[in-house]
Structures are given as structure tokens and as C-alpha cells.
Protein backbone atom coordinates (compact mmCIF):
# COMPACT_ATOMS: atom_id res chain seq x y z
CA MET A 1 -97.66 60.09 48.84
CA PRO A 2 -95.53 60.99 51.89
CA ALA A 3 -93.07 63.83 51.37
CA SER A 4 -90.11 61.61 52.29
CA ASN A 5 -90.98 59.09 49.55
CA THR A 6 -91.49 61.88 47.02
CA GLU A 7 -88.12 63.41 47.85
CA SER A 8 -86.51 59.98 47.61
CA LEU A 9 -88.02 59.42 44.14
CA LEU A 10 -86.85 62.86 43.01
CA SER A 11 -83.31 62.31 44.34
CA THR A 12 -83.13 58.94 42.57
CA ALA A 13 -84.31 60.49 39.30
CA LEU A 14 -81.83 63.38 39.56
CA SER A 15 -78.99 60.96 40.19
CA LYS A 16 -79.75 59.21 36.89
CA VAL A 17 -80.28 62.34 34.80
CA LYS A 18 -77.59 64.98 34.34
CA TYR A 19 -79.09 68.41 35.09
CA ARG A 20 -77.06 71.59 35.04
CA HIS A 21 -78.73 72.96 38.16
CA PRO A 22 -79.78 69.94 40.26
CA ASP A 23 -80.19 71.88 43.53
CA LEU A 24 -82.43 74.53 41.98
CA THR A 25 -84.39 71.85 40.12
CA LYS A 26 -84.97 69.81 43.27
CA ARG A 27 -86.02 72.89 45.25
CA ASP A 28 -88.47 73.94 42.53
CA VAL A 29 -90.01 70.47 42.17
CA MET A 30 -90.35 69.93 45.93
CA SER A 31 -92.08 73.29 46.31
CA ALA A 32 -94.70 72.30 43.71
CA LEU A 33 -95.15 68.76 45.08
CA HIS A 34 -95.57 70.12 48.60
CA HIS A 35 -98.69 72.03 47.52
CA TYR A 36 -100.03 69.49 45.01
CA ARG A 37 -99.64 65.97 46.37
CA GLY A 38 -101.29 64.44 43.33
CA LEU A 39 -98.08 64.94 41.35
CA ILE A 40 -95.22 62.43 41.38
CA PRO A 41 -91.69 62.75 39.92
CA LYS A 42 -89.96 60.07 37.89
CA GLN A 43 -87.16 59.65 35.35
CA ASP A 44 -88.34 58.74 31.86
CA LYS A 45 -87.38 59.08 28.19
CA PHE A 46 -88.77 61.99 26.19
CA ILE A 47 -88.90 61.82 22.38
CA PHE A 48 -88.49 65.16 20.62
CA ASN A 49 -90.03 66.01 17.26
CA ASP A 50 -86.78 65.19 15.46
CA GLY A 51 -86.73 61.67 16.95
CA VAL A 52 -84.00 62.35 19.54
CA GLN A 53 -84.57 60.61 22.87
CA ARG A 54 -83.35 62.03 26.14
CA ASP A 55 -83.72 61.06 29.80
CA LEU A 56 -85.63 63.82 31.63
CA ILE A 57 -87.52 64.33 34.87
CA ASN A 58 -91.26 63.86 34.38
CA ILE A 59 -93.77 65.27 36.88
CA TYR A 60 -97.04 63.43 36.29
CA GLY A 61 -100.33 63.08 38.10
CA THR A 62 -103.48 65.14 38.59
CA ILE A 63 -104.23 68.70 39.62
CA PRO A 64 -107.54 69.85 41.18
CA VAL A 65 -109.48 72.18 38.86
CA PRO A 66 -112.74 73.83 39.96
CA TYR A 67 -115.42 74.05 37.27
CA LYS A 68 -119.04 75.12 37.74
CA GLY A 69 -119.07 74.47 41.47
CA GLN A 70 -117.29 71.10 41.37
CA ASN A 71 -113.63 70.03 41.49
CA TYR A 72 -112.16 67.77 38.80
CA ASN A 73 -108.85 65.93 38.74
CA ILE A 74 -107.14 66.86 35.47
CA PRO A 75 -104.20 64.61 34.50
CA VAL A 76 -101.08 66.48 33.42
CA SER A 77 -97.47 65.67 32.58
CA LEU A 78 -94.63 68.18 32.99
CA TRP A 79 -91.22 67.47 31.42
CA LEU A 80 -88.23 69.37 32.87
CA LEU A 81 -85.40 70.11 30.44
CA ASP A 82 -81.78 69.74 31.54
CA ASN A 83 -81.40 73.53 31.98
CA HIS A 84 -84.34 73.80 34.37
CA PRO A 85 -85.34 76.19 35.93
CA TYR A 86 -83.81 78.58 33.37
CA THR A 87 -85.78 76.90 30.57
CA SER A 88 -89.55 76.49 30.61
CA PRO A 89 -90.86 72.92 31.02
CA ILE A 90 -92.88 71.10 28.34
CA ALA A 91 -96.42 70.63 29.62
CA TYR A 92 -99.08 68.19 28.41
CA VAL A 93 -102.58 67.17 29.32
CA LYS A 94 -102.58 63.34 29.45
CA PRO A 95 -106.17 62.11 29.03
CA THR A 96 -107.12 58.56 29.90
CA SER A 97 -108.76 56.16 27.49
CA ASP A 98 -112.19 57.34 28.65
CA MET A 99 -111.43 61.01 28.12
CA GLN A 100 -111.00 63.19 25.08
CA ILE A 101 -108.96 66.37 24.65
CA LYS A 102 -110.94 69.54 24.12
CA VAL A 103 -108.85 71.58 21.70
CA SER A 104 -108.57 75.27 22.56
CA LYS A 105 -106.06 78.05 22.23
CA HIS A 106 -104.32 76.64 25.33
CA VAL A 107 -104.31 72.91 24.43
CA ASP A 108 -103.71 71.37 20.99
CA HIS A 109 -104.97 68.00 19.73
CA ASN A 110 -101.85 66.27 21.11
CA GLY A 111 -102.54 67.63 24.59
CA LYS A 112 -99.63 70.07 24.60
CA ILE A 113 -100.27 73.12 26.78
CA TYR A 114 -99.61 76.64 25.47
CA LEU A 115 -99.63 79.47 28.00
CA PRO A 116 -98.11 82.97 28.10
CA TYR A 117 -96.54 81.91 31.39
CA LEU A 118 -94.51 79.25 29.52
CA HIS A 119 -93.72 81.55 26.61
CA GLU A 120 -92.45 84.30 28.96
CA TRP A 121 -90.70 81.94 31.39
CA ALA A 122 -87.88 83.70 33.28
CA HIS A 123 -86.12 82.41 36.40
CA PRO A 124 -86.54 83.22 39.30
CA ASN A 125 -89.91 84.86 38.65
CA SER A 126 -91.25 81.65 37.06
CA ASP A 127 -91.46 78.26 38.74
CA LEU A 128 -93.43 74.99 38.65
CA LEU A 129 -95.76 76.05 41.45
CA GLY A 130 -96.77 79.15 39.50
CA LEU A 131 -97.21 77.06 36.33
CA VAL A 132 -99.57 74.62 38.08
CA GLN A 133 -101.57 77.49 39.55
CA ILE A 134 -101.86 79.17 36.14
CA CYS A 135 -103.00 75.84 34.64
CA ILE A 136 -105.67 75.51 37.33
CA VAL A 137 -106.97 79.04 36.70
CA THR A 138 -106.91 78.55 32.92
CA PHE A 139 -108.53 75.09 32.97
CA SER A 140 -111.24 76.29 35.35
CA GLU A 141 -112.35 78.65 32.56
CA GLN A 142 -111.68 76.30 29.64
CA PRO A 143 -111.57 72.59 30.63
CA PRO A 144 -108.94 70.74 28.54
CA VAL A 145 -110.68 67.34 28.58
CA TYR A 146 -114.17 65.89 28.74
CA ALA A 147 -115.60 62.41 29.10
CA LYS A 148 -116.17 60.53 25.86
CA PRO A 149 -119.88 60.39 25.07
CA LYS A 150 -121.68 57.05 25.29
CA ASP A 151 -124.55 55.80 23.18
CA THR A 152 -127.32 56.94 25.50
CA GLN A 153 -125.50 59.50 27.62
CA THR A 154 -124.04 62.24 25.47
CA ASN A 155 -122.27 65.20 27.06
CA LEU A 156 -122.93 64.07 30.62
CA PRO A 157 -120.30 64.16 33.35
CA TYR A 158 -118.32 60.98 33.14
CA PRO A 159 -117.47 59.27 36.47
CA VAL A 160 -113.90 58.04 36.58
CA GLN A 161 -114.23 55.46 39.29
CA ASN A 162 -112.01 52.95 37.48
CA THR A 163 -109.92 55.13 35.21
CA GLY A 164 -106.14 55.10 35.02
CA PHE A 165 -103.49 56.44 32.73
CA PRO A 166 -103.26 54.80 29.29
CA GLY A 167 -101.22 51.63 29.39
CA TYR A 168 -101.46 51.27 33.19
CA PRO A 169 -104.03 49.52 35.36
CA ALA A 170 -106.69 51.65 36.99
CA ALA A 171 -106.61 52.37 40.71
CA ALA A 172 -109.37 50.95 42.85
CA GLY A 173 -111.75 53.56 44.21
CA GLY A 174 -111.03 56.22 41.55
CA GLY A 175 -108.01 58.34 40.78
CA TYR A 176 -104.89 57.31 38.90
CA GLN A 177 -102.09 54.92 39.52
CA GLN A 178 -98.92 54.44 37.54
CA ALA A 179 -97.09 51.13 37.57
CA GLY A 180 -94.90 50.90 40.66
CA TYR A 181 -96.42 53.97 42.39
CA PRO A 182 -99.20 54.14 44.98
CA GLN A 183 -102.58 55.73 44.42
CA TYR A 184 -103.08 59.46 45.00
CA PRO A 185 -104.97 59.47 48.28
CA GLN A 186 -106.35 63.00 48.19
CA TYR A 187 -108.29 62.37 44.98
CA THR A 188 -110.11 59.16 46.01
CA ASN A 189 -113.73 58.86 47.04
CA ASN A 190 -112.66 59.14 50.68
CA ASN A 191 -111.94 62.84 50.18
CA PRO A 192 -115.26 64.69 49.85
CA GLY A 193 -113.48 67.90 48.82
CA TYR A 194 -112.97 66.74 45.24
CA SER A 195 -115.18 65.15 42.65
CA THR A 196 -113.92 62.27 40.57
CA ALA A 197 -115.92 63.23 37.49
CA TYR A 198 -114.48 65.15 34.54
CA PRO A 199 -116.32 68.12 33.10
CA PRO A 200 -118.75 67.29 30.27
CA ALA A 201 -118.23 68.43 26.74
CA THR A 202 -120.11 71.62 25.94
CA THR A 203 -122.78 71.53 23.24
CA GLY A 204 -121.74 74.75 21.55
CA GLY A 205 -118.67 75.42 19.44
CA TYR A 206 -115.52 76.41 21.31
CA PRO A 207 -113.61 79.63 20.45
CA PRO A 208 -110.92 78.95 17.88
CA TYR A 209 -107.25 79.37 18.56
CA PRO A 210 -106.40 82.92 17.36
CA VAL A 211 -104.33 82.96 14.18
CA ASN A 212 -101.47 85.42 14.22
CA THR A 213 -97.89 85.72 13.14
CA THR A 214 -96.50 84.74 16.54
CA ASN A 215 -95.39 81.12 16.66
CA TYR A 216 -95.30 79.46 20.05
CA PRO A 217 -92.18 77.38 20.53
CA GLY A 218 -92.78 73.69 20.57
CA GLN A 219 -90.60 70.91 21.87
CA PRO A 220 -86.86 71.48 21.71
CA GLY A 221 -85.44 70.50 18.35
CA GLY A 222 -88.89 70.13 16.85
CA GLY A 223 -90.35 73.17 15.10
CA TYR A 224 -93.17 75.50 16.26
CA TYR A 225 -96.87 75.60 16.84
CA SER A 226 -97.56 77.26 13.52
CA GLN A 227 -100.52 78.83 11.82
CA ALA A 228 -101.14 75.65 9.81
CA SER A 229 -101.57 73.54 12.92
CA THR A 230 -103.69 76.31 14.45
CA ALA A 231 -106.02 76.25 11.47
CA GLY A 232 -106.50 72.53 11.97
CA HIS A 233 -107.41 73.13 15.60
CA THR A 234 -109.84 75.83 14.56
CA ALA A 235 -111.57 73.52 12.14
CA THR A 236 -111.83 70.80 14.74
CA THR A 237 -113.26 73.21 17.28
CA ALA A 238 -115.66 74.80 14.83
CA THR A 239 -117.30 71.46 14.03
CA SER A 240 -117.94 70.72 17.70
CA GLY A 241 -121.04 72.92 17.70
CA PRO A 242 -124.43 71.73 16.49
CA GLY A 243 -124.30 73.87 13.34
CA GLY A 244 -120.55 73.75 12.84
CA THR A 245 -120.30 77.58 12.79
CA ILE A 246 -118.51 80.15 14.94
CA THR A 247 -120.77 82.81 16.44
CA GLN A 248 -119.98 86.32 17.65
CA GLU A 249 -120.21 85.08 21.22
CA HIS A 250 -117.40 82.61 20.55
CA LEU A 251 -115.19 85.33 19.08
CA LYS A 252 -116.00 87.63 21.96
CA ALA A 253 -115.13 84.93 24.50
CA SER A 254 -111.84 84.24 22.69
CA ILE A 255 -110.89 87.94 22.67
CA ILE A 256 -111.82 88.35 26.33
CA SER A 257 -109.73 85.31 27.24
CA ALA A 258 -106.71 86.64 25.31
CA VAL A 259 -107.07 90.03 27.00
CA GLU A 260 -107.33 88.35 30.39
CA ASP A 261 -104.13 86.40 29.75
CA LYS A 262 -102.33 89.57 28.72
CA ILE A 263 -103.60 91.49 31.75
CA LYS A 264 -102.62 88.64 34.08
CA ALA A 265 -99.11 88.58 32.60
CA ARG A 266 -98.81 92.34 32.97
CA LEU A 267 -100.09 92.17 36.54
CA ARG A 268 -97.52 89.49 37.39
CA GLU A 269 -94.74 91.62 35.93
CA GLU A 270 -96.01 94.70 37.76
CA PHE A 271 -96.32 92.74 41.00
CA SER A 272 -92.77 91.39 40.67
CA ALA A 273 -91.40 94.87 39.94
CA ARG A 274 -93.25 96.41 42.89
CA GLN A 275 -92.18 93.57 45.15
CA ALA A 276 -88.52 94.09 44.19
CA GLU A 277 -88.92 97.83 44.71
CA THR A 278 -90.52 97.21 48.11
CA GLU A 279 -87.65 94.94 49.16
CA SER A 280 -85.14 97.59 48.04
CA LEU A 281 -86.99 100.30 49.97
CA LYS A 282 -87.18 98.05 53.01
CA GLN A 283 -83.42 97.44 52.92
CA THR A 284 -82.79 101.17 52.47
CA GLY A 285 -85.09 101.87 55.43
CA GLU A 286 -83.16 99.43 57.61
CA GLU A 287 -79.87 101.07 56.63
CA LEU A 288 -81.29 104.52 57.35
CA GLY A 289 -82.56 103.31 60.72
CA ALA A 290 -79.11 101.98 61.63
CA GLY A 291 -77.54 105.28 60.51
CA ARG A 292 -80.07 107.24 62.55
CA ALA A 293 -79.24 105.24 65.69
CA LYS A 294 -75.53 105.86 65.11
CA LEU A 295 -76.09 109.60 64.60
CA THR A 296 -78.20 109.79 67.77
CA GLN A 297 -75.40 108.14 69.74
CA MET A 298 -72.85 110.58 68.32
CA VAL A 299 -75.08 113.57 69.16
CA ASN A 300 -75.52 112.37 72.75
CA GLN A 301 -71.75 111.92 73.10
CA LEU A 302 -71.15 115.42 71.72
CA LYS A 303 -73.67 116.87 74.20
CA GLN A 304 -71.90 115.15 77.09
CA GLU A 305 -68.49 116.39 75.96
CA THR A 306 -69.91 119.91 75.51
CA GLU A 307 -71.26 119.90 79.07
CA GLU A 308 -67.88 118.74 80.43
CA LEU A 309 -66.10 121.41 78.41
CA ASP A 310 -68.48 124.14 79.70
CA CYS A 311 -67.88 122.99 83.28
CA SER A 312 -64.08 123.07 82.83
CA LEU A 313 -64.29 126.49 81.18
CA LYS A 314 -66.32 127.84 84.10
CA ILE A 315 -63.74 126.53 86.60
CA LEU A 316 -60.92 128.09 84.58
CA THR A 317 -62.75 131.42 84.45
CA ASP A 318 -63.30 131.39 88.24
CA LYS A 319 -59.61 130.63 88.92
CA ARG A 320 -58.54 133.40 86.56
CA ASP A 321 -60.80 135.90 88.31
CA GLU A 322 -59.41 134.79 91.67
CA LEU A 323 -55.81 135.25 90.50
CA ASN A 324 -56.62 138.69 89.10
CA SER A 325 -58.18 139.69 92.43
CA LEU A 326 -55.14 138.53 94.44
CA ASN A 327 -52.80 140.28 92.02
CA SER A 328 -54.74 143.53 92.48
CA LYS A 329 -54.56 143.22 96.26
CA LEU A 330 -50.78 142.61 96.15
CA GLU A 331 -50.23 145.67 94.00
CA GLU A 332 -52.20 147.86 96.40
CA THR A 333 -50.47 146.68 99.63
CA GLU A 334 -47.03 147.82 100.88
CA GLU A 335 -43.87 145.67 101.06
CA VAL A 336 -44.42 142.72 103.32
CA ASP A 337 -41.91 141.85 106.11
CA ILE A 338 -40.56 138.40 105.45
CA ASP A 339 -40.47 137.49 109.14
CA GLU A 340 -44.10 138.53 109.58
CA ALA A 341 -45.27 136.93 106.35
CA VAL A 342 -44.74 133.44 107.76
CA THR A 343 -46.77 132.80 110.84
CA THR A 344 -47.57 129.61 112.74
CA THR A 345 -50.64 128.36 114.59
CA ALA A 346 -48.72 127.25 117.73
CA PRO A 347 -45.54 128.30 119.61
CA LEU A 348 -44.00 124.86 119.07
CA TYR A 349 -44.16 125.29 115.28
CA LYS A 350 -42.71 128.80 115.61
CA GLN A 351 -39.75 127.41 117.64
CA LEU A 352 -39.25 124.71 114.99
CA ILE A 353 -39.15 127.28 112.16
CA GLN A 354 -36.79 129.54 114.04
CA ALA A 355 -34.40 126.66 114.86
CA TYR A 356 -34.45 125.59 111.22
CA ALA A 357 -33.64 129.11 110.02
CA GLU A 358 -30.76 129.50 112.49
CA GLU A 359 -29.30 126.10 111.58
CA ALA A 360 -29.36 127.01 107.89
CA ALA A 361 -27.60 130.32 108.66
CA THR A 362 -24.95 128.51 110.76
CA GLU A 363 -24.24 126.14 107.89
CA ASP A 364 -23.75 129.11 105.54
CA ALA A 365 -21.36 130.75 108.06
CA ILE A 366 -19.21 127.61 108.21
CA TYR A 367 -19.10 127.54 104.40
CA PHE A 368 -17.91 131.13 104.13
CA LEU A 369 -15.26 130.57 106.89
CA GLY A 370 -13.86 127.76 104.76
CA GLU A 371 -13.75 130.11 101.74
CA ALA A 372 -11.92 132.76 103.82
CA LEU A 373 -9.32 130.20 104.96
CA ARG A 374 -8.77 129.05 101.40
CA ARG A 375 -8.17 132.59 100.22
CA GLY A 376 -5.86 133.40 103.13
CA VAL A 377 -8.07 136.04 104.71
CA ILE A 378 -7.89 134.26 108.09
CA ASP A 379 -5.39 131.85 109.50
CA CYS A 380 -6.03 128.32 110.62
CA GLU A 381 -6.28 129.12 114.34
CA VAL A 382 -9.05 131.69 113.83
CA PHE A 383 -10.84 129.31 111.44
CA LEU A 384 -10.80 126.43 113.92
CA LYS A 385 -11.96 128.65 116.78
CA HIS A 386 -15.04 129.95 114.92
CA VAL A 387 -15.86 126.62 113.34
CA ARG A 388 -15.83 124.90 116.74
CA ASN A 389 -18.28 127.45 118.19
CA LEU A 390 -20.59 127.32 115.15
CA SER A 391 -20.58 123.50 115.08
CA ARG A 392 -21.58 123.37 118.74
CA LYS A 393 -24.43 125.80 118.04
CA GLN A 394 -25.51 123.82 114.93
CA PHE A 395 -25.64 120.60 116.95
CA MET A 396 -27.91 122.20 119.55
CA LEU A 397 -30.20 123.62 116.87
CA ARG A 398 -30.57 120.23 115.15
CA ALA A 399 -31.33 118.53 118.46
CA THR A 400 -33.95 121.19 119.16
CA MET A 401 -35.59 120.57 115.75
CA GLN A 402 -35.78 116.82 116.33
CA LYS A 403 -37.34 117.30 119.73
CA CYS A 404 -39.89 119.77 118.32
CA ARG A 405 -40.83 117.35 115.53
CA LYS A 406 -41.19 114.48 117.96
CA THR A 407 -43.37 116.55 120.26
CA ALA A 408 -45.57 117.76 117.35
CA GLY A 409 -45.92 114.21 116.00
CA LEU A 410 -44.14 115.03 112.74
CA ARG A 411 -41.86 112.69 110.82
CA ILE A 412 -38.27 112.95 112.04
């Protein structure tokens, strides 16, 4: 069935049934259906052991199970409770009218599936895809169904060319078809990768379901898979052999299977723990890498600032040595004549400096003459006489300075 049609069927079913986590449920179902196209979702009524009916999502169809070099299409039915995926689904093997359930420690006479994976279900480590894969591995070792023997052909592989689910018409060309749904294309005769025959019933007795004090939970609201029912399954299985007895080989196979289930569960837990630890270490490594890059950048910046500081310190040390040298020379030399200390590179500049010095002295003389007049040291006639002469001289000096500046190309 195309993925778009499957998703449409699932969305329609979810709209009719009230689930607490519809998004998680849809994601989980679509992941399983993407890998196993022989499964189809629908909304149907489920009857619990106490007679209560409830609308639930039912995933039904076939799963490919390899057995002794051939692939068989095993019909299953998975019921999702309203708290999915936080609650394990209820799984059944749904044999057709031409098939018979082979009771084992994993499947009872009603077809209900019992697996450690279901008993230890825990979201998000458990999902429908993992359940289907565990069923395939388990059923490949212990087939849950076999073809009903005929009068002349006992315990031979039974071809299911025209077999459908009970109560529904069979699909042409093999496979299964529910009312209103198309045939599963990958399990028809056109696909050479799978065989349409179911595994034959074995001639020897099958290992009994181990009796212990641990009760597997049954359907919600409906008791447990108890020791009493287990005893019944053991009796049924024990009579399947030619002598009706259980041999040491059967017990050994049962113990080995139980140990394998336990080891597989432990390996899954160990794998999940190591995977979580790996993810944590990976995240820590990324954070350490980012911190290392930041530290490297800071170290490079500090090196650059240190180099700049060393360069500035060297310049400061050179200037200090130069000042100390000049100071020593000044202390050793005699008093310097002010007029000889200032020298010029050309006579024009020397004339300019001299005119400037004389003009400044003339201005000071005029100031002091004014102070003398104010204090009464000289009279007004003497003051005016000297001021007139000094002003004439000051005018000439200023004119000389302007001409020198103009000739030298300086700003006037």
C-alpha cells in the first residue's frame, strides 16, 4: 500500500479514537509501517477480558519470517492502547482458517504473544518497529503457526495461495486481504523474495512454557497469564509429539531459548546505556572543542598585546636613556649665552628674530613709561616725547617683520 494511503488511514483512525499522545503514536506507527508494508492500520473495537469494549488502533497484516531457508508471511495483529507509546501494545498471532496456532512459551492457544520486550516495555527505548523485529527473530526460531494437516499430507508445508483472514474473502494470487483494503503486494507470487507457504508442524514435542511464579500481564482489565493456563499449554504441547512425552532435548531447548531472551534483553539495555553515554561524551567533546577554540583565540590575542607592550616598553626605555644622556651633557657644559643659543639657518631668519625681539622690548618700554606717568615720576611732556619716538621705532620694526615673512614665504 502506498505510504500516502497508509498515513491517510492512520490519520482517519486517530481522529476517531482519543489517544493521549497522538503525535507520538502516529510517528511510531509510521516508522513501523515504513519498514513493513504488509501491515495496515485501522480503527476497530477491542473486547477486554472483563467484557469492556473500547475503540483502539489495530495494526494488522503479515510480517516476513525466515525459517529453514524460506520466508513465510505470518499474520499478526497489534492493538495500541490509548496511552501508547508509554504502554506496551497487545500483540496476537491471527491464523487463518487453514492454519493452526503452535503453542509455545511465546504464543498461547488464543494466539496472544508473550515476549520480554513487551513485559519490559519502556518509552522511548521501546517502539513498534523493535517489537516487529523481535517477533521476526523469535518466530524464526519457533514458528507460531503451521498449516493444518490434510488426510494424505500430514505435516507438509501448506501453500496459502487462496488464504485470507477469518471472516474475509481471500485475495487472488496469495496473501491476505481485509474487507475494504487492497492486497499486500510484496507478499504475492510476483515477489520471488518471499514464499507464500507457512512452516509445517514439527513431528516432535515442543518445549513447554516454563512454569514459574512470574505472571505475565494479560489484556488490560482482564487478569494474567497464570500458571494454570501455562499448565494447559504445556499439556497441549506435550501431546504434540509421537509419544506424548517431553525429552531432555526439549527441556534443553527451552532453557537455551529463555537464556537467549534474557541475554538479548540485557544486550539491548547495555546497548541503550552505552549509546546514551556515547551521545553524552560526544556533546561534551563538542563543548570542549568550542572551549578550546575560544582559549586559542584568547591566547593569540594575549600574545599580540604582549608584543605591542614589549615594543612600547622598548621605545620608552630608549627615550629615557636619551633624556638621561642629554641631562648629563647639560650638567657638564658651562652656562649658555642666550643670544648664541638661538641660531638661524639664513640671514633673513636672523633679521626676522632680531626685529621681533626689538619690537617686544619697545612694547615693554612703552608700558613702563605709562606706569612712570601714572606714578608721577615723569611729566606728560617727557612721556609724550619718548612714546612718540618708541612708537615710530615699533612701526618700523613691525613693517620689517612683515617684509621678512613675505620674502621667506611665511604666513603673515
